[in-house]
Structures are given as structure tokens and as C-alpha cells.
PDB file of N, CA and C in Angstrom:
ATOM      1  N   MET A   1      -5.160   4.552  20.563  1.00  0.00           N
ATOM      2  CA  MET A   1      -4.156   5.058  19.554  1.00  0.00           C
ATOM      3  C   MET A   1      -4.283   4.326  18.242  1.00  0.00           C
ATOM      4  N   LEU A   2      -4.360   5.081  17.174  1.00  0.00           N
ATOM      5  CA  LEU A   2      -4.353   4.299  15.779  1.00  0.00           C
ATOM      6  C   LEU A   2      -3.128   4.148  15.022  1.00  0.00           C
ATOM      7  N   GLN A   3      -2.992   3.133  14.456  1.00  0.00           N
ATOM      8  CA  GLN A   3      -1.730   2.727  13.718  1.00  0.00           C
ATOM      9  C   GLN A   3      -1.972   2.324  12.352  1.00  0.00           C
ATOM     10  N   LEU A   4      -1.299   2.978  11.358  1.00  0.00           N
ATOM     11  CA  LEU A   4      -1.407   2.635   9.912  1.00  0.00           C
ATOM     12  C   LEU A   4      -0.991   1.300   9.671  1.00  0.00           C
ATOM     13  N   SER A   5      -1.906   0.770   8.827  1.00  0.00           N
ATOM     14  CA  SER A   5      -1.654  -0.749   8.400  1.00  0.00           C
ATOM     15  C   SER A   5      -1.758  -0.734   6.860  1.00  0.00           C
ATOM     16  N   TYR A   6      -0.935  -1.570   6.058  1.00  0.00           N
ATOM     17  CA  TYR A   6      -1.081  -1.764   4.814  1.00  0.00           C
ATOM     18  C   TYR A   6      -1.699  -3.182   4.425  1.00  0.00           C
ATOM     19  N   ALA A   7      -2.342  -3.753   5.383  1.00  0.00           N
ATOM     20  CA  ALA A   7      -2.884  -5.164   5.342  1.00  0.00           C
ATOM     21  C   ALA A   7      -4.049  -5.084   3.967  1.00  0.00           C
ATOM     22  N   PRO A   8      -4.762  -3.868   3.885  1.00  0.00           N
ATOM     23  CA  PRO A   8      -5.620  -4.068   2.647  1.00  0.00           C
ATOM     24  C   PRO A   8      -4.791  -4.019   1.278  1.00  0.00           C
ATOM     25  N   LEU A   9      -3.693  -3.486   1.306  1.00  0.00           N
ATOM     26  CA  LEU A   9      -2.724  -3.457   0.085  1.00  0.00           C
ATOM     27  C   LEU A   9      -2.494  -4.856  -0.146  1.00  0.00           C
ATOM     28  N   TRP A  10      -1.845  -5.600   0.765  1.00  0.00           N
ATOM     29  CA  TRP A  10      -1.466  -7.066   0.510  1.00  0.00           C
ATOM     30  C   TRP A  10      -2.639  -7.968   0.162  1.00  0.00           C
ATOM     31  N   ALA A  11      -3.792  -7.471   0.700  1.00  0.00           N
ATOM     32  CA  ALA A  11      -4.978  -8.435   0.348  1.00  0.00           C
ATOM     33  C   ALA A  11      -5.506  -8.148  -1.136  1.00  0.00           C
ATOM     34  N   THR A  12      -5.340  -6.890  -1.509  1.00  0.00           N
ATOM     35  CA  THR A  12      -5.490  -6.406  -2.798  1.00  0.00           C
ATOM     36  C   THR A  12      -4.674  -7.074  -3.842  1.00  0.00           C
ATOM     37  N   LEU A  13      -3.459  -7.113  -3.565  1.00  0.00           N
ATOM     38  CA  LEU A  13      -2.403  -7.704  -4.379  1.00  0.00           C
ATOM     39  C   LEU A  13      -2.731  -9.172  -4.558  1.00  0.00           C
ATOM     40  N   ASN A  14      -3.158  -9.749  -3.298  1.00  0.00           N
ATOM     41  CA  ASN A  14      -3.498 -11.336  -3.374  1.00  0.00           C
ATOM     42  C   ASN A  14      -4.661 -11.576  -4.222  1.00  0.00           C
ATOM     43  N   ASP A  15      -5.616 -10.630  -4.015  1.00  0.00           N
ATOM     44  CA  ASP A  15      -6.962 -10.793  -4.913  1.00  0.00           C
ATOM     45  C   ASP A  15      -6.812 -10.437  -6.411  1.00  0.00           C
ATOM     46  N   THR A  16      -5.831  -9.875  -6.792  1.00  0.00           N
ATOM     47  CA  THR A  16      -5.565  -9.635  -8.156  1.00  0.00           C
ATOM     48  C   THR A  16      -4.312 -10.469  -8.712  1.00  0.00           C
ATOM     49  N   GLY A  17      -3.820 -11.411  -7.852  1.00  0.00           N
ATOM     50  CA  GLY A  17      -2.821 -12.195  -8.442  1.00  0.00           C
ATOM     51  C   GLY A  17      -1.470 -11.563  -8.543  1.00  0.00           C
ATOM     52  N   MET A  18      -1.378 -10.233  -7.967  1.00  0.00           N
ATOM     53  CA  MET A  18      -0.138  -9.583  -8.076  1.00  0.00           C
ATOM     54  C   MET A  18       0.849  -9.843  -7.151  1.00  0.00           C
ATOM     55  N   LYS A  19       2.095  -9.457  -7.183  1.00  0.00           N
ATOM     56  CA  LYS A  19       3.092  -9.676  -6.174  1.00  0.00           C
ATOM     57  C   LYS A  19       3.730  -8.210  -5.782  1.00  0.00           C
ATOM     58  N   LYS A  20       4.415  -8.185  -4.628  1.00  0.00           N
ATOM     59  CA  LYS A  20       4.992  -6.986  -4.243  1.00  0.00           C
ATOM     60  C   LYS A  20       5.734  -6.430  -5.313  1.00  0.00           C
ATOM     61  N   ILE A  21       6.581  -7.202  -5.900  1.00  0.00           N
ATOM     62  CA  ILE A  21       7.578  -6.693  -7.041  1.00  0.00           C
ATOM     63  C   ILE A  21       6.899  -5.978  -8.015  1.00  0.00           C
ATOM     64  N   ASP A  22       5.557  -6.282  -8.352  1.00  0.00           N
ATOM     65  CA  ASP A  22       4.684  -5.647  -9.269  1.00  0.00           C
ATOM     66  C   ASP A  22       4.421  -4.158  -8.890  1.00  0.00           C
ATOM     67  N   LEU A  23       4.646  -3.805  -7.788  1.00  0.00           N
ATOM     68  CA  LEU A  23       4.497  -2.502  -7.290  1.00  0.00           C
ATOM     69  C   LEU A  23       5.737  -1.542  -7.679  1.00  0.00           C
ATOM     70  N   ILE A  24       6.600  -2.083  -8.085  1.00  0.00           N
ATOM     71  CA  ILE A  24       7.873  -1.267  -8.521  1.00  0.00           C
ATOM     72  C   ILE A  24       7.501  -0.423  -9.708  1.00  0.00           C
ATOM     73  N   GLY A  25       6.609  -0.722 -10.428  1.00  0.00           N
ATOM     74  CA  GLY A  25       6.098   0.135 -11.609  1.00  0.00           C
ATOM     75  C   GLY A  25       5.365   1.289 -11.163  1.00  0.00           C
ATOM     76  N   ILE A  26       4.898   1.209  -9.818  1.00  0.00           N
ATOM     77  CA  ILE A  26       4.092   2.291  -9.305  1.00  0.00           C
ATOM     78  C   ILE A  26       4.795   3.102  -8.409  1.00  0.00           C
ATOM     79  N   VAL A  27       5.574   2.579  -7.514  1.00  0.00           N
ATOM     80  CA  VAL A  27       6.416   3.318  -6.592  1.00  0.00           C
ATOM     81  C   VAL A  27       7.853   2.861  -6.663  1.00  0.00           C
ATOM     82  N   SER A  28       8.696   3.534  -6.100  1.00  0.00           N
ATOM     83  CA  SER A  28      10.158   3.252  -6.026  1.00  0.00           C
ATOM     84  C   SER A  28      10.552   2.133  -5.080  1.00  0.00           C
ATOM     85  N   ASN A  29      11.721   1.476  -5.181  1.00  0.00           N
ATOM     86  CA  ASN A  29      12.169   0.537  -4.345  1.00  0.00           C
ATOM     87  C   ASN A  29      12.146   0.912  -2.882  1.00  0.00           C
ATOM     88  N   SER A  30      12.655   2.281  -2.642  1.00  0.00           N
ATOM     89  CA  SER A  30      12.825   2.681  -1.327  1.00  0.00           C
ATOM     90  C   SER A  30      11.443   2.944  -0.667  1.00  0.00           C
ATOM     91  N   VAL A  31      10.499   3.471  -1.531  1.00  0.00           N
ATOM     92  CA  VAL A  31       9.001   3.488  -0.976  1.00  0.00           C
ATOM     93  C   VAL A  31       8.621   2.074  -0.596  1.00  0.00           C
ATOM     94  N   LEU A  32       8.733   1.132  -1.433  1.00  0.00           N
ATOM     95  CA  LEU A  32       8.247  -0.182  -1.307  1.00  0.00           C
ATOM     96  C   LEU A  32       8.795  -0.821   0.051  1.00  0.00           C
ATOM     97  N   ARG A  33      10.082  -0.473   0.304  1.00  0.00           N
ATOM     98  CA  ARG A  33      10.683  -1.044   1.496  1.00  0.00           C
ATOM     99  C   ARG A  33       9.998  -0.436   2.752  1.00  0.00           C
ATOM    100  N   LYS A  34       9.591   0.937   2.676  1.00  0.00           N
ATOM    101  CA  LYS A  34       8.897   1.625   3.707  1.00  0.00           C
ATOM    102  C   LYS A  34       7.542   0.819   3.926  1.00  0.00           C
ATOM    103  N   ILE A  35       6.965   0.576   2.948  1.00  0.00           N
ATOM    104  CA  ILE A  35       5.498   0.004   2.965  1.00  0.00           C
ATOM    105  C   ILE A  35       5.675  -1.386   3.623  1.00  0.00           C
ATOM    106  N   GLU A  36       6.697  -2.137   3.175  1.00  0.00           N
ATOM    107  CA  GLU A  36       7.005  -3.456   3.662  1.00  0.00           C
ATOM    108  C   GLU A  36       7.265  -3.438   5.161  1.00  0.00           C
ATOM    109  N   ASN A  37       7.887  -2.426   5.699  1.00  0.00           N
ATOM    110  CA  ASN A  37       8.203  -2.292   7.040  1.00  0.00           C
ATOM    111  C   ASN A  37       7.086  -1.535   7.806  1.00  0.00           C
ATOM    112  N   GLU A  38       5.962  -1.287   7.171  1.00  0.00           N
ATOM    113  CA  GLU A  38       4.804  -0.730   7.855  1.00  0.00           C
ATOM    114  C   GLU A  38       5.127   0.806   8.221  1.00  0.00           C
ATOM    115  N   ASP A  39       6.169   1.432   7.674  1.00  0.00           N
ATOM    116  CA  ASP A  39       6.411   2.907   7.854  1.00  0.00           C
ATOM    117  C   ASP A  39       5.368   3.663   7.054  1.00  0.00           C
ATOM    118  N   PRO A  40       5.217   5.026   7.661  1.00  0.00           N
ATOM    119  CA  PRO A  40       4.389   5.883   6.891  1.00  0.00           C
ATOM    120  C   PRO A  40       4.896   6.360   5.602  1.00  0.00           C
ATOM    121  N   VAL A  41       4.050   6.522   4.572  1.00  0.00           N
ATOM    122  CA  VAL A  41       4.434   7.202   3.455  1.00  0.00           C
ATOM    123  C   VAL A  41       3.611   8.321   3.021  1.00  0.00           C
ATOM    124  N   SER A  42       3.801   9.225   2.188  1.00  0.00           N
ATOM    125  CA  SER A  42       3.171  10.361   1.807  1.00  0.00           C
ATOM    126  C   SER A  42       1.729  10.088   1.294  1.00  0.00           C
ATOM    127  N   LEU A  43       0.835  11.033   1.414  1.00  0.00           N
ATOM    128  CA  LEU A  43      -0.508  10.813   0.799  1.00  0.00           C
ATOM    129  C   LEU A  43      -0.422  10.787  -0.846  1.00  0.00           C
ATOM    130  N   LYS A  44       0.668  11.482  -1.294  1.00  0.00           N
ATOM    131  CA  LYS A  44       1.025  11.441  -2.675  1.00  0.00           C
ATOM    132  C   LYS A  44       1.228   9.866  -3.194  1.00  0.00           C
ATOM    133  N   VAL A  45       2.032   9.064  -2.289  1.00  0.00           N
ATOM    134  CA  VAL A  45       2.267   7.735  -2.570  1.00  0.00           C
ATOM    135  C   VAL A  45       1.011   6.963  -2.615  1.00  0.00           C
ATOM    136  N   ILE A  46       0.336   7.202  -1.511  1.00  0.00           N
ATOM    137  CA  ILE A  46      -1.172   6.406  -1.374  1.00  0.00           C
ATOM    138  C   ILE A  46      -1.848   6.682  -2.622  1.00  0.00           C
ATOM    139  N   GLY A  47      -1.880   7.786  -3.062  1.00  0.00           N
ATOM    140  CA  GLY A  47      -2.562   8.217  -4.224  1.00  0.00           C
ATOM    141  C   GLY A  47      -2.158   7.542  -5.487  1.00  0.00           C
ATOM    142  N   GLN A  48      -0.882   7.419  -5.654  1.00  0.00           N
ATOM    143  CA  GLN A  48      -0.182   6.709  -6.680  1.00  0.00           C
ATOM    144  C   GLN A  48      -0.612   5.181  -6.665  1.00  0.00           C
ATOM    145  N   LEU A  49      -0.616   4.708  -5.481  1.00  0.00           N
ATOM    146  CA  LEU A  49      -1.007   3.200  -5.353  1.00  0.00           C
ATOM    147  C   LEU A  49      -2.329   3.035  -5.856  1.00  0.00           C
ATOM    148  N   CYS A  50      -3.251   3.890  -5.260  1.00  0.00           N
ATOM    149  CA  CYS A  50      -4.649   3.909  -5.701  1.00  0.00           C
ATOM    150  C   CYS A  50      -4.929   3.904  -7.024  1.00  0.00           C
ATOM    151  N   GLU A  51      -4.240   5.008  -7.784  1.00  0.00           N
ATOM    152  CA  GLU A  51      -4.402   4.956  -9.190  1.00  0.00           C
ATOM    153  C   GLU A  51      -3.926   4.011  -9.969  1.00  0.00           C
ATOM    154  N   GLY A  52      -2.678   3.472  -9.621  1.00  0.00           N
ATOM    155  CA  GLY A  52      -1.944   2.528 -10.246  1.00  0.00           C
ATOM    156  C   GLY A  52      -2.733   1.223 -10.182  1.00  0.00           C
ATOM    157  N   LEU A  53      -3.393   0.836  -9.130  1.00  0.00           N
ATOM    158  CA  LEU A  53      -3.916  -0.476  -8.917  1.00  0.00           C
ATOM    159  C   LEU A  53      -5.530  -0.346  -9.215  1.00  0.00           C
ATOM    160  N   GLY A  54      -5.881   0.836  -9.450  1.00  0.00           N
ATOM    161  CA  GLY A  54      -7.378   1.121  -9.814  1.00  0.00           C
ATOM    162  C   GLY A  54      -8.349   0.886  -8.754  1.00  0.00           C
ATOM    163  N   VAL A  55      -7.964   1.128  -7.383  1.00  0.00           N
ATOM    164  CA  VAL A  55      -8.738   0.812  -6.257  1.00  0.00           C
ATOM    165  C   VAL A  55      -8.858   2.059  -5.320  1.00  0.00           C
ATOM    166  N   PRO A  56      -9.964   2.149  -4.489  1.00  0.00           N
ATOM    167  CA  PRO A  56      -9.994   3.074  -3.501  1.00  0.00           C
ATOM    168  C   PRO A  56      -8.986   3.051  -2.431  1.00  0.00           C
ATOM    169  N   VAL A  57      -8.920   4.112  -1.642  1.00  0.00           N
ATOM    170  CA  VAL A  57      -7.972   4.242  -0.645  1.00  0.00           C
ATOM    171  C   VAL A  57      -8.076   3.078   0.395  1.00  0.00           C
ATOM    172  N   GLU A  58      -9.291   2.644   0.713  1.00  0.00           N
ATOM    173  CA  GLU A  58      -9.476   1.577   1.679  1.00  0.00           C
ATOM    174  C   GLU A  58      -9.084   0.164   1.320  1.00  0.00           C
ATOM    175  N   ARG A  59      -8.769   0.142  -0.103  1.00  0.00           N
ATOM    176  CA  ARG A  59      -8.049  -1.170  -0.474  1.00  0.00           C
ATOM    177  C   ARG A  59      -6.588  -1.020  -0.382  1.00  0.00           C
ATOM    178  N   VAL A  60      -6.058   0.102   0.152  1.00  0.00           N
ATOM    179  CA  VAL A  60      -4.587   0.174   0.248  1.00  0.00           C
ATOM    180  C   VAL A  60      -4.097   0.300   1.645  1.00  0.00           C
ATOM    181  N   ILE A  61      -4.816   1.143   2.428  1.00  0.00           N
ATOM    182  CA  ILE A  61      -4.489   1.328   3.783  1.00  0.00           C
ATOM    183  C   ILE A  61      -5.728   1.281   4.925  1.00  0.00           C
ATOM    184  N   GLU A  62      -5.239   1.162   5.985  1.00  0.00           N
ATOM    185  CA  GLU A  62      -6.457   1.333   7.038  1.00  0.00           C
ATOM    186  C   GLU A  62      -5.777   1.628   8.464  1.00  0.00           C
ATOM    187  N   PHE A  63      -6.545   2.115   9.293  1.00  0.00           N
ATOM    188  CA  PHE A  63      -5.954   2.533  10.707  1.00  0.00           C
ATOM    189  C   PHE A  63      -6.529   1.606  11.641  1.00  0.00           C
ATOM    190  N   ARG A  64      -5.765   0.973  12.465  1.00  0.00           N
ATOM    191  CA  ARG A  64      -6.115   0.010  13.439  1.00  0.00           C
ATOM    192  C   ARG A  64      -5.812   0.492  14.906  1.00  0.00           C
ATOM    193  N   ASP A  65      -6.713   0.165  15.824  1.00  0.00           N
ATOM    194  CA  ASP A  65      -6.537   0.481  17.180  1.00  0.00           C
ATOM    195  C   ASP A  65      -5.399  -0.447  17.770  1.00  0.00           C
ATOM    196  N   VAL A  66      -4.560   0.221  18.518  1.00  0.00           N
ATOM    197  CA  VAL A  66      -3.495  -0.527  19.069  1.00  0.00           C
ATOM    198  C   VAL A  66      -3.513  -0.198  20.658  1.00  0.00           C
TER     199      VAL A  66
END
């Protein structure tokens, strides 16, 4: 079974010197809470993150075997 992970997003933020709070300009507080809790979000939100950070989708999410 595959599980969604935002580990690449946290690595991307770390690489760029950004913090989670910097994502508030890209997504809402409630969406950021979902991401922090590893809850799924819409593809629209993933697209907003990719565009806002200027990175491809693999720098935001990945699927892991569990």
C-alpha cells in the first residue's frame, strides 16, 4: 500500500532556508495544518505549492510503501 508523504516539501523548505510559516503566502492556515498532519490535500493545492516554490511535484510530495 502507498502512503502520501510531504517529506520532499520539508526538505525543499530546508534547502531554500524557508520555514513552514512561509507557506502561508501560498496556502491557507487550514491547508498548512493538513499538510503538517500528513493529511491529503487536493491536486490544486499541490500545484499551488509547486508554482509558489518554483519546483516540480517530486520536490513537494512522494508516495511511500507502508
